[in-house]
Amino acid sequence: DQVRKDEIGMVVCGAHMSGLPLNSELTSRG
């Protein structure tokens, strides 16, 4: 999978990772 033209790649290492408490801050933004 690749980053598209209308997106930016974002590296996360903590609670924003999948299944962790802050992941919804990413998924709710698409």
All heavy atoms as atom14 arrays in JSON, in Angstrom:
{
  "sequence": "DQVRKDEIGMVVCGAHMSGLPLNSELTSRG",
  "atom14_mask": [
    [1, 1, 1, 1, 1, 1, 1, 1, 0, 0, 0, 0, 0, 0],
    [1, 1, 1, 1, 1, 1, 1, 1, 1, 0, 0, 0, 0, 0],
    [1, 1, 1, 1, 1, 1, 1, 0, 0, 0, 0, 0, 0, 0],
    [1, 1, 1, 1, 1, 1, 1, 1, 1, 1, 1, 0, 0, 0],
    [1, 1, 1, 1, 1, 1, 1, 1, 1, 0, 0, 0, 0, 0],
    [1, 1, 1, 1, 1, 1, 1, 1, 0, 0, 0, 0, 0, 0],
    [1, 1, 1, 1, 1, 1, 1, 1, 1, 0, 0, 0, 0, 0],
    [1, 1, 1, 1, 1, 1, 1, 1, 0, 0, 0, 0, 0, 0],
    [1, 1, 1, 1, 0, 0, 0, 0, 0, 0, 0, 0, 0, 0],
    [1, 1, 1, 1, 1, 1, 1, 1, 0, 0, 0, 0, 0, 0],
    [1, 1, 1, 1, 1, 1, 1, 0, 0, 0, 0, 0, 0, 0],
    [1, 1, 1, 1, 1, 1, 1, 0, 0, 0, 0, 0, 0, 0],
    [1, 1, 1, 1, 1, 1, 0, 0, 0, 0, 0, 0, 0, 0],
    [1, 1, 1, 1, 0, 0, 0, 0, 0, 0, 0, 0, 0, 0],
    [1, 1, 1, 1, 1, 0, 0, 0, 0, 0, 0, 0, 0, 0],
    [1, 1, 1, 1, 1, 1, 1, 1, 1, 1, 0, 0, 0, 0],
    [1, 1, 1, 1, 1, 1, 1, 1, 0, 0, 0, 0, 0, 0],
    [1, 1, 1, 1, 1, 1, 0, 0, 0, 0, 0, 0, 0, 0],
    [1, 1, 1, 1, 0, 0, 0, 0, 0, 0, 0, 0, 0, 0],
    [1, 1, 1, 1, 1, 1, 1, 1, 0, 0, 0, 0, 0, 0],
    [1, 1, 1, 1, 1, 1, 1, 0, 0, 0, 0, 0, 0, 0],
    [1, 1, 1, 1, 1, 1, 1, 1, 0, 0, 0, 0, 0, 0],
    [1, 1, 1, 1, 1, 1, 1, 1, 0, 0, 0, 0, 0, 0],
    [1, 1, 1, 1, 1, 1, 0, 0, 0, 0, 0, 0, 0, 0],
    [1, 1, 1, 1, 1, 1, 1, 1, 1, 0, 0, 0, 0, 0],
    [1, 1, 1, 1, 1, 1, 1, 1, 0, 0, 0, 0, 0, 0],
    [1, 1, 1, 1, 1, 1, 1, 0, 0, 0, 0, 0, 0, 0],
    [1, 1, 1, 1, 1, 1, 0, 0, 0, 0, 0, 0, 0, 0],
    [1, 1, 1, 1, 1, 1, 1, 1, 1, 1, 1, 0, 0, 0],
    [1, 1, 1, 1, 0, 0, 0, 0, 0, 0, 0, 0, 0, 0]
  ],
  "atom14_positions": [
    [[0.84, -1.19, 0.0], [0.0, 0.0, 0.0], [0.88, 1.25, 0.0], [1.97, 1.26, 0.59], [-0.91, 0.0, 1.23], [-2.2, 0.76, 0.98], [-2.34, 1.34, -0.11], [-3.06, 0.77, 1.87], [0.0, 0.0, 0.0], [0.0, 0.0, 0.0], [0.0, 0.0, 0.0], [0.0, 0.0, 0.0], [0.0, 0.0, 0.0], [0.0, 0.0, 0.0]],
    [[0.41, 2.29, -0.66], [1.18, 3.51, -0.81], [0.37, 4.72, -0.35], [-0.86, 4.71, -0.35], [1.58, 3.7, -2.29], [2.39, 2.56, -2.88], [3.77, 2.45, -2.29], [4.39, 3.46, -1.95], [4.27, 1.23, -2.16], [0.0, 0.0, 0.0], [0.0, 0.0, 0.0], [0.0, 0.0, 0.0], [0.0, 0.0, 0.0], [0.0, 0.0, 0.0]],
    [[1.1, 5.78, 0.01], [0.46, 7.05, 0.32], [-0.01, 7.69, -0.99], [0.73, 7.73, -1.98], [1.44, 7.99, 1.04], [0.79, 9.35, 1.3], [1.91, 7.37, 2.34], [0.0, 0.0, 0.0], [0.0, 0.0, 0.0], [0.0, 0.0, 0.0], [0.0, 0.0, 0.0], [0.0, 0.0, 0.0], [0.0, 0.0, 0.0], [0.0, 0.0, 0.0]],
    [[-1.24, 8.17, -1.0], [-1.79, 8.78, -2.21], [-1.51, 10.28, -2.24], [-1.01, 10.86, -1.27], [-3.3, 8.52, -2.26], [-3.64, 7.05, -2.28], [-5.14, 6.83, -2.17], [-5.42, 5.45, -1.76], [-6.49, 5.08, -1.09], [-7.4, 5.97, -0.73], [-6.67, 3.82, -0.75], [0.0, 0.0, 0.0], [0.0, 0.0, 0.0], [0.0, 0.0, 0.0]],
    [[-1.84, 10.91, -3.38], [-1.52, 12.32, -3.58], [-2.22, 13.22, -2.57], [-1.68, 14.28, -2.22], [-1.9, 12.74, -5.0], [-1.04, 12.11, -6.09], [-1.46, 12.6, -7.46], [-0.59, 11.99, -8.54], [-0.98, 12.44, -9.91], [0.0, 0.0, 0.0], [0.0, 0.0, 0.0], [0.0, 0.0, 0.0], [0.0, 0.0, 0.0], [0.0, 0.0, 0.0]],
    [[-3.41, 12.82, -2.13], [-4.16, 13.67, -1.2], [-3.93, 13.27, 0.26], [-4.69, 13.65, 1.15], [-5.65, 13.63, -1.52], [-6.25, 12.24, -1.41], [-5.47, 11.27, -1.33], [-7.48, 12.12, -1.4], [0.0, 0.0, 0.0], [0.0, 0.0, 0.0], [0.0, 0.0, 0.0], [0.0, 0.0, 0.0], [0.0, 0.0, 0.0], [0.0, 0.0, 0.0]],
    [[-2.86, 12.5, 0.51], [-2.58, 12.02, 1.86], [-1.13, 12.35, 2.24], [-0.3, 12.67, 1.39], [-2.76, 10.5, 1.94], [-4.18, 10.03, 1.7], [-4.29, 8.52, 1.63], [-3.32, 7.87, 1.17], [-5.33, 7.98, 2.02], [0.0, 0.0, 0.0], [0.0, 0.0, 0.0], [0.0, 0.0, 0.0], [0.0, 0.0, 0.0], [0.0, 0.0, 0.0]],
    [[-0.86, 12.21, 3.53], [0.51, 12.32, 4.02], [0.8, 11.09, 4.88], [-0.07, 10.63, 5.63], [0.71, 13.62, 4.84], [2.18, 13.75, 5.27], [-0.21, 13.68, 6.05], [2.51, 15.1, 5.91], [0.0, 0.0, 0.0], [0.0, 0.0, 0.0], [0.0, 0.0, 0.0], [0.0, 0.0, 0.0], [0.0, 0.0, 0.0], [0.0, 0.0, 0.0]],
    [[1.98, 10.53, 4.74], [2.36, 9.42, 5.59], [2.62, 9.89, 7.0], [3.22, 10.95, 7.21], [0.0, 0.0, 0.0], [0.0, 0.0, 0.0], [0.0, 0.0, 0.0], [0.0, 0.0, 0.0], [0.0, 0.0, 0.0], [0.0, 0.0, 0.0], [0.0, 0.0, 0.0], [0.0, 0.0, 0.0], [0.0, 0.0, 0.0], [0.0, 0.0, 0.0]],
    [[2.19, 9.11, 7.98], [2.35, 9.49, 9.38], [2.8, 8.27, 10.19], [2.11, 7.25, 10.23], [1.03, 10.02, 9.93], [1.11, 10.58, 11.34], [2.05, 12.13, 11.42], [1.01, 13.21, 10.41], [0.0, 0.0, 0.0], [0.0, 0.0, 0.0], [0.0, 0.0, 0.0], [0.0, 0.0, 0.0], [0.0, 0.0, 0.0], [0.0, 0.0, 0.0]],
    [[3.97, 8.38, 10.82], [4.5, 7.3, 11.65], [4.05, 7.53, 13.08], [4.25, 8.62, 13.65], [6.03, 7.26, 11.58], [6.59, 6.22, 12.56], [6.49, 6.94, 10.17], [0.0, 0.0, 0.0], [0.0, 0.0, 0.0], [0.0, 0.0, 0.0], [0.0, 0.0, 0.0], [0.0, 0.0, 0.0], [0.0, 0.0, 0.0], [0.0, 0.0, 0.0]],
    [[3.45, 6.51, 13.69], [3.03, 6.6, 15.09], [3.66, 5.46, 15.86], [3.87, 4.36, 15.32], [1.49, 6.58, 15.23], [0.88, 7.82, 14.6], [0.89, 5.33, 14.63], [0.0, 0.0, 0.0], [0.0, 0.0, 0.0], [0.0, 0.0, 0.0], [0.0, 0.0, 0.0], [0.0, 0.0, 0.0], [0.0, 0.0, 0.0], [0.0, 0.0, 0.0]],
    [[3.96, 5.72, 17.13], [4.67, 4.71, 17.91], [4.03, 4.44, 19.26], [4.52, 3.63, 20.03], [6.13, 5.15, 18.14], [6.28, 6.71, 19.05], [0.0, 0.0, 0.0], [0.0, 0.0, 0.0], [0.0, 0.0, 0.0], [0.0, 0.0, 0.0], [0.0, 0.0, 0.0], [0.0, 0.0, 0.0], [0.0, 0.0, 0.0], [0.0, 0.0, 0.0]],
    [[2.9, 5.1, 19.56], [2.29, 4.96, 20.88], [0.82, 4.66, 20.82], [0.38, 3.78, 20.06], [0.0, 0.0, 0.0], [0.0, 0.0, 0.0], [0.0, 0.0, 0.0], [0.0, 0.0, 0.0], [0.0, 0.0, 0.0], [0.0, 0.0, 0.0], [0.0, 0.0, 0.0], [0.0, 0.0, 0.0], [0.0, 0.0, 0.0], [0.0, 0.0, 0.0]],
    [[0.04, 5.41, 21.59], [-1.38, 5.11, 21.76], [-2.21, 5.37, 20.51], [-3.4, 5.04, 20.49], [-1.95, 5.92, 22.93], [0.0, 0.0, 0.0], [0.0, 0.0, 0.0], [0.0, 0.0, 0.0], [0.0, 0.0, 0.0], [0.0, 0.0, 0.0], [0.0, 0.0, 0.0], [0.0, 0.0, 0.0], [0.0, 0.0, 0.0], [0.0, 0.0, 0.0]],
    [[-1.61, 5.94, 19.47], [-2.33, 6.12, 18.21], [-2.29, 4.86, 17.34], [-2.94, 4.8, 16.3], [-1.76, 7.29, 17.4], [-2.11, 8.64, 17.96], [-1.28, 9.34, 18.79], [-3.24, 9.38, 17.83], [-1.85, 10.49, 19.13], [-3.03, 10.54, 18.57], [0.0, 0.0, 0.0], [0.0, 0.0, 0.0], [0.0, 0.0, 0.0], [0.0, 0.0, 0.0]],
    [[-1.53, 3.85, 17.75], [-1.45, 2.63, 16.94], [-2.76, 1.85, 17.0], [-3.58, 2.03, 17.9], [-0.27, 1.77, 17.41], [1.08, 2.42, 17.14], [2.49, 1.28, 17.29], [2.45, 0.91, 19.02], [0.0, 0.0, 0.0], [0.0, 0.0, 0.0], [0.0, 0.0, 0.0], [0.0, 0.0, 0.0], [0.0, 0.0, 0.0], [0.0, 0.0, 0.0]],
    [[-2.94, 0.95, 16.03], [-4.19, 0.22, 15.89], [-4.55, -0.51, 17.17], [-3.7, -1.16, 17.8], [-4.09, -0.78, 14.74], [-3.02, -1.68, 14.94], [0.0, 0.0, 0.0], [0.0, 0.0, 0.0], [0.0, 0.0, 0.0], [0.0, 0.0, 0.0], [0.0, 0.0, 0.0], [0.0, 0.0, 0.0], [0.0, 0.0, 0.0], [0.0, 0.0, 0.0]],
    [[-5.81, -0.4, 17.56], [-6.32, -1.09, 18.73], [-6.02, -0.41, 20.05], [-6.51, -0.85, 21.09], [0.0, 0.0, 0.0], [0.0, 0.0, 0.0], [0.0, 0.0, 0.0], [0.0, 0.0, 0.0], [0.0, 0.0, 0.0], [0.0, 0.0, 0.0], [0.0, 0.0, 0.0], [0.0, 0.0, 0.0], [0.0, 0.0, 0.0], [0.0, 0.0, 0.0]],
    [[-5.23, 0.67, 20.05], [-4.89, 1.37, 21.28], [-5.8, 2.59, 21.47], [-6.48, 3.02, 20.54], [-3.4, 1.74, 21.28], [-2.45, 0.53, 21.27], [-0.99, 0.97, 21.37], [-2.78, -0.45, 22.4], [0.0, 0.0, 0.0], [0.0, 0.0, 0.0], [0.0, 0.0, 0.0], [0.0, 0.0, 0.0], [0.0, 0.0, 0.0], [0.0, 0.0, 0.0]],
    [[-5.81, 3.19, 22.67], [-6.86, 4.16, 23.02], [-7.02, 5.36, 22.1], [-8.13, 5.86, 21.93], [-6.45, 4.59, 24.44], [-5.73, 3.41, 24.99], [-4.98, 2.83, 23.84], [0.0, 0.0, 0.0], [0.0, 0.0, 0.0], [0.0, 0.0, 0.0], [0.0, 0.0, 0.0], [0.0, 0.0, 0.0], [0.0, 0.0, 0.0], [0.0, 0.0, 0.0]],
    [[-5.94, 5.87, 21.52], [-6.04, 7.08, 20.69], [-6.13, 6.78, 19.19], [-6.1, 7.72, 18.39], [-4.85, 8.0, 20.97], [-4.71, 8.52, 22.41], [-3.55, 9.5, 22.51], [-6.01, 9.2, 22.86], [0.0, 0.0, 0.0], [0.0, 0.0, 0.0], [0.0, 0.0, 0.0], [0.0, 0.0, 0.0], [0.0, 0.0, 0.0], [0.0, 0.0, 0.0]],
    [[-6.25, 5.51, 18.83], [-6.29, 5.18, 17.41], [-7.47, 5.83, 16.7], [-7.41, 6.15, 15.5], [-6.35, 3.66, 17.23], [-6.33, 3.23, 15.78], [-7.27, 2.63, 15.29], [-5.25, 3.55, 15.07], [0.0, 0.0, 0.0], [0.0, 0.0, 0.0], [0.0, 0.0, 0.0], [0.0, 0.0, 0.0], [0.0, 0.0, 0.0], [0.0, 0.0, 0.0]],
    [[-8.56, 6.05, 17.43], [-9.75, 6.68, 16.81], [-9.46, 8.09, 16.32], [-10.17, 8.6, 15.45], [-10.91, 6.71, 17.8], [-10.59, 7.48, 18.94], [0.0, 0.0, 0.0], [0.0, 0.0, 0.0], [0.0, 0.0, 0.0], [0.0, 0.0, 0.0], [0.0, 0.0, 0.0], [0.0, 0.0, 0.0], [0.0, 0.0, 0.0], [0.0, 0.0, 0.0]],
    [[-8.42, 8.75, 16.86], [-8.06, 10.08, 16.38], [-7.55, 10.02, 14.94], [-7.6, 11.02, 14.22], [-7.03, 10.73, 17.29], [-7.57, 11.04, 18.69], [-6.59, 11.82, 19.54], [-5.53, 12.23, 19.01], [-6.88, 12.02, 20.72], [0.0, 0.0, 0.0], [0.0, 0.0, 0.0], [0.0, 0.0, 0.0], [0.0, 0.0, 0.0], [0.0, 0.0, 0.0]],
    [[-7.08, 8.86, 14.53], [-6.7, 8.66, 13.13], [-7.88, 8.14, 12.31], [-8.21, 8.7, 11.26], [-5.54, 7.67, 13.05], [-4.16, 8.18, 13.46], [-3.19, 7.03, 13.61], [-3.64, 9.18, 12.44], [0.0, 0.0, 0.0], [0.0, 0.0, 0.0], [0.0, 0.0, 0.0], [0.0, 0.0, 0.0], [0.0, 0.0, 0.0], [0.0, 0.0, 0.0]],
    [[-8.5, 7.08, 12.78], [-9.56, 6.45, 11.98], [-10.75, 7.38, 11.78], [-11.4, 7.35, 10.73], [-10.02, 5.14, 12.63], [-10.46, 5.39, 13.98], [-8.89, 4.13, 12.65], [0.0, 0.0, 0.0], [0.0, 0.0, 0.0], [0.0, 0.0, 0.0], [0.0, 0.0, 0.0], [0.0, 0.0, 0.0], [0.0, 0.0, 0.0], [0.0, 0.0, 0.0]],
    [[-11.07, 8.22, 12.76], [-12.2, 9.14, 12.62], [-11.93, 10.21, 11.57], [-12.86, 10.87, 11.1], [-12.52, 9.8, 13.96], [-11.45, 10.64, 14.39], [0.0, 0.0, 0.0], [0.0, 0.0, 0.0], [0.0, 0.0, 0.0], [0.0, 0.0, 0.0], [0.0, 0.0, 0.0], [0.0, 0.0, 0.0], [0.0, 0.0, 0.0], [0.0, 0.0, 0.0]],
    [[-10.67, 10.37, 11.21], [-10.29, 11.34, 10.18], [-10.06, 10.67, 8.82], [-9.52, 11.28, 7.91], [-9.04, 12.1, 10.62], [-9.29, 13.06, 11.78], [-8.0, 13.71, 12.27], [-8.28, 14.83, 13.16], [-8.5, 14.72, 14.46], [-8.45, 13.5, 15.02], [-8.76, 15.78, 15.2], [0.0, 0.0, 0.0], [0.0, 0.0, 0.0], [0.0, 0.0, 0.0]],
    [[-10.45, 9.42, 8.71], [-10.31, 8.72, 7.43], [-8.92, 8.19, 7.15], [-8.6, 7.85, 6.01], [0.0, 0.0, 0.0], [0.0, 0.0, 0.0], [0.0, 0.0, 0.0], [0.0, 0.0, 0.0], [0.0, 0.0, 0.0], [0.0, 0.0, 0.0], [0.0, 0.0, 0.0], [0.0, 0.0, 0.0], [0.0, 0.0, 0.0], [0.0, 0.0, 0.0]]
  ]
}
